[in-house]
Amino acid sequence: MGKVKRATSLVMYWSGDQIVVDHYLEGRTFCLDLEAVRVLAALSDWTDEAELHTLFPGYTAESVRESVNTLKELGLVVTDETGYYDALVDAAWKHWGQEARYFHFVTKDAPYVTGQEEAAFLEELAAEAPPPTMKRYADAPRLYLPRAFLPMNAPFQEVLLERRTTRTFKQSPIPLRAFSTLLFYAFSPMYFVDAGLLGSLMMKTSASAGARHETEFYVGVLNVESVPRGLYHYCQENHSLELLNPEYSPEKAVRFAYDQEWVGETAFIVYVSARFERMMWKYRHSRAYRAILSNLGQFGQTFSLCATALGLAPFVTAALREHELEESLGLDGITESTMYMLACGVPTAPAGPQLHEEVNAVQFVSENFVQMYPAPASASARREGNSNAAD
């Protein structure tokens, strides 16, 4: 006999009156009785199988062994021979805890509908009215933004190379036209398409799974020409700002961003939220949460590239005090929750290497690589023909 222990990759929860355990590493789910739960609870550490009965006074050694063998067959109890992957997960994911590993593994290999199943599923969706595609605060004070958009004619390759995360800014207001141009091209729908049973879908400059566009955008204005400070909702429907909270300051911006001091020096901040029902209406598997995270990244990159093309200085961060921010925005944090933060200001100097003007890209990368990773002294000496490498 060897030693046994409870598998690490287990999560338990109630479903109705049943106790459910997800073995997320193997993708299997079981309903357990209280006795099985008691056995698993006792096997948190490696235990010699010959001594298992000592953990359960009042039970015979044979009944304990049978229970443990059943749990081994289900993979809920591992041995030193079967626990390799269990130990690997424990070591590889040790810094992120159960919540991250559970989400990652339980959302792998989701079922997809195709062919006739897809047609039936779409008809089922059509029987339920889709949630609104855009949010609007009809009674809020409204500031319509100009549609005299600035051109973004910089060559695309140059914009890609010049995009940098910036954390120092001039204390100058962003021009209103630049502000309006950035919000419009980063967040507004460019046009709509008729998707039949799926309704009317927005097409934006950022991709979104199924064109669900579950994101909403809240703008904290600190230093924008002709726009008073405050927390606004960006209305995608008519390219306007809806005032939600005039009590907004650099100090609050820093507080919401977990005390990142440079946040208070930006001209404006965009807090990106997700309205989950828009995604859930079409995608009923929890894997769709992965798609929401991917969509956030798409908007972050589009925002940064548009800002760069306008000569502005962007940065993004996920460091947020969500509960405090949601309270200021009037969000419940359940049906709609803040997820991401984008910000922009006036740069103190051109962001990134000006590769299109003077510096050869290959030379720039090579020189910096050598600076960051200098060759060993002996190798450098050999290249220079110096025999005194030790010096």
Protein backbone atom coordinates (compact mmCIF):
# COMPACT_ATOMS: atom_id res chain seq x y z
CA MET A 1 0.00 0.00 0.00
CA GLY A 2 1.09 3.55 -0.73
CA LYS A 3 -0.02 6.99 0.33
CA VAL A 4 -3.07 8.94 -0.76
CA LYS A 5 -4.39 12.48 -0.54
CA ARG A 6 -7.24 14.62 -1.78
CA ALA A 7 -6.74 15.97 -5.29
CA THR A 8 -5.81 19.65 -5.29
CA SER A 9 -7.88 20.60 -8.32
CA LEU A 10 -11.30 20.33 -6.68
CA VAL A 11 -13.93 23.00 -6.10
CA MET A 12 -17.14 22.29 -4.17
CA TYR A 13 -20.40 24.21 -4.15
CA TRP A 14 -24.10 23.75 -3.53
CA SER A 15 -26.54 23.13 -6.38
CA GLY A 16 -30.02 23.03 -4.92
CA ASP A 17 -29.81 20.54 -2.07
CA GLN A 18 -26.80 18.69 -3.52
CA ILE A 19 -23.10 19.10 -2.90
CA VAL A 20 -21.27 19.28 -6.23
CA VAL A 21 -17.53 18.88 -6.75
CA ASP A 22 -15.82 20.03 -9.94
CA HIS A 23 -12.62 18.19 -10.75
CA TYR A 24 -11.56 21.01 -13.04
CA LEU A 25 -8.26 19.49 -14.14
CA GLU A 26 -10.05 16.47 -15.57
CA GLY A 27 -13.21 18.30 -16.59
CA ARG A 28 -15.55 16.09 -14.55
CA THR A 29 -18.33 16.95 -12.12
CA PHE A 30 -19.83 14.79 -9.36
CA CYS A 31 -22.54 14.99 -6.71
CA LEU A 32 -21.28 13.81 -3.31
CA ASP A 33 -22.90 12.78 -0.07
CA LEU A 34 -21.73 14.11 3.27
CA GLU A 35 -19.71 10.98 4.05
CA ALA A 36 -17.66 11.37 0.87
CA VAL A 37 -17.08 15.03 1.72
CA ARG A 38 -15.91 14.00 5.19
CA VAL A 39 -13.41 11.54 3.71
CA LEU A 40 -12.03 14.16 1.32
CA ALA A 41 -11.75 16.71 4.12
CA ALA A 42 -9.62 14.31 6.14
CA LEU A 43 -7.18 13.66 3.28
CA SER A 44 -5.63 17.11 2.94
CA ASP A 45 -2.13 15.62 3.43
CA TRP A 46 -0.44 12.44 2.29
CA THR A 47 -1.70 9.55 4.41
CA ASP A 48 -0.55 5.94 4.48
CA GLU A 49 -3.40 3.75 3.21
CA ALA A 50 -2.76 1.25 5.99
CA GLU A 51 -3.57 3.97 8.53
CA LEU A 52 -6.70 5.41 6.91
CA HIS A 53 -9.06 3.76 9.37
CA THR A 54 -7.47 5.69 12.25
CA LEU A 55 -8.90 8.91 10.80
CA PHE A 56 -12.46 7.59 11.05
CA PRO A 57 -13.18 6.05 14.45
CA GLY A 58 -16.40 4.08 14.45
CA TYR A 59 -15.90 2.80 10.91
CA THR A 60 -14.32 -0.48 9.93
CA ALA A 61 -11.01 -0.47 8.09
CA GLU A 62 -12.66 -2.28 5.16
CA SER A 63 -15.47 0.30 4.75
CA VAL A 64 -12.96 3.17 4.87
CA ARG A 65 -10.78 1.47 2.28
CA GLU A 66 -13.79 0.91 -0.03
CA SER A 67 -14.79 4.56 0.22
CA VAL A 68 -11.27 5.74 -0.54
CA ASN A 69 -10.96 3.32 -3.47
CA THR A 70 -14.19 4.69 -4.95
CA LEU A 71 -12.87 8.24 -4.64
CA LYS A 72 -9.59 7.13 -6.25
CA GLU A 73 -11.49 5.70 -9.21
CA LEU A 74 -13.22 9.06 -9.64
CA GLY A 75 -9.90 10.87 -9.49
CA LEU A 76 -10.90 12.80 -6.36
CA VAL A 77 -8.18 11.06 -4.35
CA VAL A 78 -4.71 10.64 -5.84
CA THR A 79 -1.75 8.42 -5.10
CA ASP A 80 1.94 9.10 -5.54
CA GLU A 81 1.56 7.31 -8.90
CA THR A 82 -1.57 9.14 -10.17
CA GLY A 83 -0.95 12.58 -8.68
CA TYR A 84 1.69 13.89 -11.12
CA TYR A 85 -0.53 16.41 -12.93
CA ASP A 86 -2.22 17.38 -9.70
CA ALA A 87 1.16 18.26 -8.21
CA LEU A 88 2.20 20.04 -11.42
CA VAL A 89 -0.85 22.32 -11.31
CA ASP A 90 -0.23 23.03 -7.64
CA ALA A 91 3.35 24.08 -8.36
CA ALA A 92 2.78 25.95 -11.61
CA TRP A 93 -0.21 27.97 -10.36
CA LYS A 94 0.85 28.40 -6.73
CA HIS A 95 0.90 32.21 -6.79
CA TRP A 96 -2.59 32.68 -8.23
CA GLY A 97 -4.72 30.54 -5.93
CA GLN A 98 -7.75 28.41 -6.68
CA GLU A 99 -9.88 31.09 -8.31
CA ALA A 100 -7.55 31.63 -11.28
CA ARG A 101 -6.76 27.99 -11.93
CA TYR A 102 -10.42 27.01 -11.57
CA PHE A 103 -11.56 29.58 -14.13
CA HIS A 104 -8.78 28.67 -16.55
CA PHE A 105 -9.35 24.92 -16.56
CA VAL A 106 -13.13 24.82 -16.16
CA THR A 107 -13.61 27.04 -19.24
CA LYS A 108 -11.41 24.92 -21.53
CA ASP A 109 -12.89 22.78 -24.31
CA ALA A 110 -16.35 24.36 -24.21
CA PRO A 111 -19.06 22.77 -26.37
CA TYR A 112 -19.95 24.60 -29.59
CA VAL A 113 -23.07 24.26 -31.69
CA THR A 114 -22.79 23.76 -35.44
CA GLY A 115 -24.98 22.93 -38.42
CA GLN A 116 -28.57 22.02 -37.58
CA GLU A 117 -27.89 22.56 -33.88
CA GLU A 118 -26.90 26.15 -34.62
CA ALA A 119 -30.09 26.83 -36.55
CA ALA A 120 -32.21 25.47 -33.70
CA PHE A 121 -30.21 27.48 -31.18
CA LEU A 122 -30.71 30.70 -33.11
CA GLU A 123 -34.46 30.13 -33.20
CA GLU A 124 -34.37 29.57 -29.46
CA LEU A 125 -32.48 32.84 -29.01
CA ALA A 126 -34.97 34.71 -31.17
CA ALA A 127 -37.75 33.75 -28.76
CA GLU A 128 -36.04 35.86 -26.09
CA ALA A 129 -35.66 39.55 -26.76
CA PRO A 130 -31.99 40.61 -26.80
CA PRO A 131 -30.84 43.18 -24.26
CA PRO A 132 -30.33 46.76 -25.48
CA THR A 133 -27.13 47.18 -27.48
CA MET A 134 -26.37 50.61 -25.99
CA LYS A 135 -26.90 52.30 -22.65
CA ARG A 136 -28.24 55.80 -22.26
CA TYR A 137 -28.88 58.09 -19.29
CA ALA A 138 -31.82 60.01 -20.75
CA ASP A 139 -32.23 62.42 -17.81
CA ALA A 140 -28.55 63.26 -17.32
CA PRO A 141 -27.11 66.64 -18.36
CA ARG A 142 -25.71 66.08 -21.85
CA LEU A 143 -22.72 67.53 -23.69
CA TYR A 144 -22.71 66.84 -27.41
CA LEU A 145 -19.19 66.42 -28.76
CA PRO A 146 -18.11 68.00 -32.06
CA ARG A 147 -17.99 65.87 -35.15
CA ALA A 148 -15.30 67.97 -36.79
CA PHE A 149 -12.87 65.08 -36.38
CA LEU A 150 -9.15 65.48 -36.74
CA PRO A 151 -7.42 63.41 -39.44
CA MET A 152 -5.29 60.48 -38.36
CA ASN A 153 -3.04 60.25 -41.40
CA ALA A 154 0.21 59.03 -39.85
CA PRO A 155 1.49 55.87 -41.59
CA PHE A 156 0.25 52.80 -39.74
CA GLN A 157 3.72 51.31 -39.28
CA GLU A 158 4.92 54.50 -37.61
CA VAL A 159 1.92 54.54 -35.26
CA LEU A 160 2.65 50.94 -34.24
CA LEU A 161 6.30 51.71 -33.53
CA GLU A 162 5.60 54.94 -31.67
CA ARG A 163 2.91 53.59 -29.34
CA ARG A 164 4.27 53.56 -25.81
CA THR A 165 2.86 53.46 -22.29
CA THR A 166 3.29 56.97 -20.92
CA ARG A 167 3.31 58.07 -17.28
CA THR A 168 4.51 61.66 -17.47
CA PHE A 169 2.31 64.34 -18.98
CA LYS A 170 2.26 68.06 -19.65
CA GLN A 171 -0.31 69.86 -17.55
CA SER A 172 -1.99 71.19 -20.66
CA PRO A 173 -5.60 70.53 -21.70
CA ILE A 174 -6.27 68.10 -24.52
CA PRO A 175 -7.92 69.99 -27.39
CA LEU A 176 -11.64 69.29 -27.64
CA ARG A 177 -11.43 68.09 -31.25
CA ALA A 178 -8.67 65.59 -30.40
CA PHE A 179 -10.69 64.34 -27.41
CA SER A 180 -13.81 63.96 -29.55
CA THR A 181 -11.91 62.22 -32.35
CA LEU A 182 -10.33 59.72 -29.97
CA LEU A 183 -13.61 58.77 -28.27
CA PHE A 184 -15.44 58.43 -31.56
CA TYR A 185 -12.98 56.22 -33.39
CA ALA A 186 -12.09 54.12 -30.35
CA PHE A 187 -15.60 53.46 -28.99
CA SER A 188 -18.43 54.50 -31.32
CA PRO A 189 -20.12 52.22 -33.84
CA MET A 190 -18.98 52.94 -37.39
CA TYR A 191 -22.09 51.34 -38.87
CA PHE A 192 -24.71 48.65 -38.19
CA VAL A 193 -25.56 45.38 -39.90
CA ASP A 194 -28.79 43.41 -39.95
CA ALA A 195 -27.95 39.97 -38.54
CA GLY A 196 -31.40 38.45 -38.94
CA LEU A 197 -32.44 36.56 -35.82
CA LEU A 198 -29.53 38.12 -33.93
CA GLY A 199 -30.89 41.60 -34.54
CA SER A 200 -28.97 44.74 -35.45
CA LEU A 201 -25.26 44.53 -34.63
CA MET A 202 -22.71 47.31 -34.15
CA MET A 203 -19.52 47.31 -36.17
CA LYS A 204 -16.69 49.14 -34.40
CA THR A 205 -12.98 49.61 -34.97
CA SER A 206 -12.35 46.91 -32.32
CA ALA A 207 -13.46 43.32 -32.71
CA SER A 208 -15.98 41.82 -30.30
CA ALA A 209 -17.05 38.19 -29.95
CA GLY A 210 -20.26 37.80 -31.91
CA ALA A 211 -20.39 41.60 -32.25
CA ARG A 212 -22.05 41.60 -28.83
CA HIS A 213 -20.14 44.73 -27.70
CA GLU A 214 -20.95 44.28 -24.04
CA THR A 215 -18.68 47.16 -23.07
CA GLU A 216 -19.69 50.60 -21.81
CA PHE A 217 -17.36 53.57 -21.37
CA TYR A 218 -17.28 56.07 -18.51
CA VAL A 219 -15.05 59.11 -18.88
CA GLY A 220 -13.40 60.89 -16.00
CA VAL A 221 -12.51 64.35 -17.31
CA LEU A 222 -9.71 66.26 -15.60
CA ASN A 223 -8.19 68.56 -18.21
CA VAL A 224 -10.03 68.69 -21.53
CA GLU A 225 -10.75 71.90 -23.40
CA SER A 226 -14.33 73.16 -22.85
CA VAL A 227 -15.40 70.07 -20.84
CA PRO A 228 -15.97 70.58 -17.08
CA ARG A 229 -14.41 68.12 -14.68
CA GLY A 230 -16.64 65.20 -13.79
CA LEU A 231 -17.53 61.56 -14.30
CA TYR A 232 -19.47 61.05 -17.52
CA HIS A 233 -21.01 58.19 -19.44
CA TYR A 234 -20.02 58.17 -23.09
CA CYS A 235 -23.21 57.76 -25.11
CA GLN A 236 -22.28 55.78 -28.20
CA GLU A 237 -25.67 56.42 -29.76
CA ASN A 238 -25.14 60.13 -30.35
CA HIS A 239 -21.47 60.79 -29.48
CA SER A 240 -22.19 62.73 -26.31
CA LEU A 241 -21.16 62.84 -22.67
CA GLU A 242 -23.80 62.29 -19.98
CA LEU A 243 -22.84 63.79 -16.62
CA LEU A 244 -23.16 61.28 -13.77
CA ASN A 245 -21.07 62.82 -11.01
CA PRO A 246 -19.52 66.31 -11.00
CA GLU A 247 -17.44 65.45 -7.92
CA TYR A 248 -14.34 64.18 -9.69
CA SER A 249 -10.77 65.25 -9.05
CA PRO A 250 -7.16 64.13 -9.58
CA GLU A 251 -7.17 62.81 -6.02
CA LYS A 252 -10.19 60.61 -6.72
CA ALA A 253 -8.68 59.40 -9.98
CA VAL A 254 -5.53 58.36 -8.13
CA ARG A 255 -7.59 56.68 -5.42
CA PHE A 256 -9.63 54.66 -7.94
CA ALA A 257 -6.37 53.53 -9.63
CA TYR A 258 -4.82 52.12 -6.46
CA ASP A 259 -2.74 55.23 -5.73
CA GLN A 260 -0.85 55.39 -9.02
CA GLU A 261 0.19 59.03 -8.70
CA TRP A 262 0.63 59.73 -12.42
CA VAL A 263 -3.05 58.99 -13.02
CA GLY A 264 -3.88 62.35 -11.47
CA GLU A 265 -1.77 64.10 -14.10
CA THR A 266 -3.68 62.74 -17.09
CA ALA A 267 -6.20 64.78 -19.06
CA PHE A 268 -8.94 62.15 -18.98
CA ILE A 269 -9.56 58.54 -18.01
CA VAL A 270 -11.90 55.97 -19.54
CA TYR A 271 -13.30 53.33 -17.20
CA VAL A 272 -14.47 50.36 -19.25
CA SER A 273 -17.28 48.21 -17.89
CA ALA A 274 -19.01 45.04 -19.06
CA ARG A 275 -22.76 44.56 -19.16
CA PHE A 276 -22.78 40.79 -18.89
CA GLU A 277 -26.31 40.15 -20.16
CA ARG A 278 -25.33 41.26 -23.67
CA MET A 279 -22.77 38.49 -23.91
CA MET A 280 -24.83 35.92 -21.98
CA TRP A 281 -27.82 36.36 -24.25
CA LYS A 282 -26.00 34.64 -27.10
CA TYR A 283 -23.21 32.75 -25.35
CA ARG A 284 -24.51 30.60 -22.49
CA HIS A 285 -21.23 28.95 -21.46
CA SER A 286 -18.90 30.55 -18.91
CA ARG A 287 -16.11 30.41 -21.49
CA ALA A 288 -17.63 33.61 -22.88
CA TYR A 289 -16.03 35.45 -19.95
CA ARG A 290 -12.72 34.78 -21.70
CA ALA A 291 -14.11 36.58 -24.72
CA ILE A 292 -14.99 39.60 -22.58
CA LEU A 293 -11.39 39.82 -21.37
CA SER A 294 -10.17 39.54 -24.95
CA ASN A 295 -12.56 42.29 -26.04
CA LEU A 296 -11.21 44.60 -23.34
CA GLY A 297 -7.71 44.12 -24.71
CA GLN A 298 -8.92 44.96 -28.21
CA PHE A 299 -10.31 48.28 -27.02
CA GLY A 300 -7.16 49.04 -25.05
CA GLN A 301 -5.00 48.61 -28.14
CA THR A 302 -7.32 50.56 -30.42
CA PHE A 303 -7.50 53.40 -27.90
CA SER A 304 -3.71 53.48 -27.56
CA LEU A 305 -3.12 53.48 -31.33
CA CYS A 306 -5.70 56.20 -31.97
CA ALA A 307 -4.21 58.33 -29.18
CA THR A 308 -0.73 57.85 -30.64
CA ALA A 309 -1.92 58.78 -34.11
CA LEU A 310 -3.31 62.02 -32.64
CA GLY A 311 0.00 62.84 -30.96
CA LEU A 312 -1.33 62.05 -27.46
CA ALA A 313 0.12 59.91 -24.69
CA PRO A 314 -1.94 56.85 -23.62
CA PHE A 315 -1.67 54.16 -20.97
CA VAL A 316 -3.86 51.32 -19.71
CA THR A 317 -4.12 49.50 -16.39
CA ALA A 318 -6.27 46.92 -14.65
CA ALA A 319 -5.37 48.24 -11.18
CA LEU A 320 -8.74 49.52 -9.96
CA ARG A 321 -10.63 49.84 -6.72
CA GLU A 322 -13.73 48.54 -8.43
CA HIS A 323 -16.18 48.80 -5.54
CA GLU A 324 -15.43 52.47 -4.86
CA LEU A 325 -15.45 53.34 -8.56
CA GLU A 326 -18.74 51.53 -9.17
CA GLU A 327 -20.34 53.34 -6.26
CA SER A 328 -19.31 56.69 -7.79
CA LEU A 329 -20.69 55.60 -11.17
CA GLY A 330 -23.91 54.20 -9.72
CA LEU A 331 -23.22 50.65 -10.94
CA ASP A 332 -24.27 47.58 -8.97
CA GLY A 333 -21.11 45.63 -9.85
CA ILE A 334 -23.21 42.54 -10.61
CA THR A 335 -25.16 43.15 -13.80
CA GLU A 336 -22.51 45.64 -14.89
CA SER A 337 -18.99 45.81 -13.51
CA THR A 338 -15.91 47.94 -14.17
CA MET A 339 -13.10 45.90 -15.73
CA TYR A 340 -10.37 48.07 -17.23
CA MET A 341 -8.96 51.59 -17.28
CA LEU A 342 -7.60 53.60 -20.20
CA ALA A 343 -6.10 57.06 -19.85
CA CYS A 344 -4.58 59.78 -21.95
CA GLY A 345 -2.73 63.06 -21.63
CA VAL A 346 -0.52 65.51 -23.46
CA PRO A 347 3.00 64.06 -23.82
CA THR A 348 6.02 65.90 -22.46
CA ALA A 349 7.97 64.61 -25.47
CA PRO A 350 7.18 62.48 -28.53
CA ALA A 351 6.40 58.98 -27.31
CA GLY A 352 8.62 56.12 -28.46
CA PRO A 353 11.55 56.09 -30.89
CA GLN A 354 11.07 58.33 -33.91
CA LEU A 355 12.13 55.56 -36.25
CA HIS A 356 10.71 57.20 -39.37
CA GLU A 357 12.92 60.26 -39.02
CA GLU A 358 16.53 59.32 -38.27
CA VAL A 359 16.98 55.95 -36.62
CA ASN A 360 17.24 52.72 -38.51
CA ALA A 361 14.88 50.23 -36.84
CA VAL A 362 17.26 47.28 -37.01
CA GLN A 363 20.13 49.36 -35.66
CA PHE A 364 17.94 50.72 -32.85
CA VAL A 365 16.82 47.26 -31.71
CA SER A 366 20.32 45.80 -31.99
CA GLU A 367 22.01 48.54 -29.99
CA ASN A 368 19.47 48.39 -27.22
CA PHE A 369 19.66 44.63 -27.09
CA VAL A 370 23.42 44.85 -26.53
CA GLN A 371 22.90 47.46 -23.81
CA MET A 372 20.34 45.33 -22.02
CA TYR A 373 22.15 42.04 -22.49
CA PRO A 374 25.90 42.75 -22.77
CA ALA A 375 28.03 39.91 -24.03
CA PRO A 376 30.40 38.25 -21.54
CA ALA A 377 33.73 40.05 -21.26
CA SER A 378 35.61 37.20 -22.85
CA ALA A 379 33.32 37.18 -25.90
CA SER A 380 33.61 40.96 -26.31
CA ALA A 381 37.37 40.73 -26.05
CA ARG A 382 37.56 38.05 -28.71
CA ARG A 383 35.52 40.20 -31.11
CA GLU A 384 37.92 43.09 -30.51
CA GLY A 385 41.02 40.92 -30.83
CA ASN A 386 42.02 41.53 -27.22
CA SER A 387 43.83 38.59 -25.64
CA ASN A 388 43.64 40.08 -22.14
CA ALA A 389 40.03 39.04 -21.64
CA ALA A 390 40.36 38.74 -17.88
CA ASP A 391 41.21 42.45 -17.65
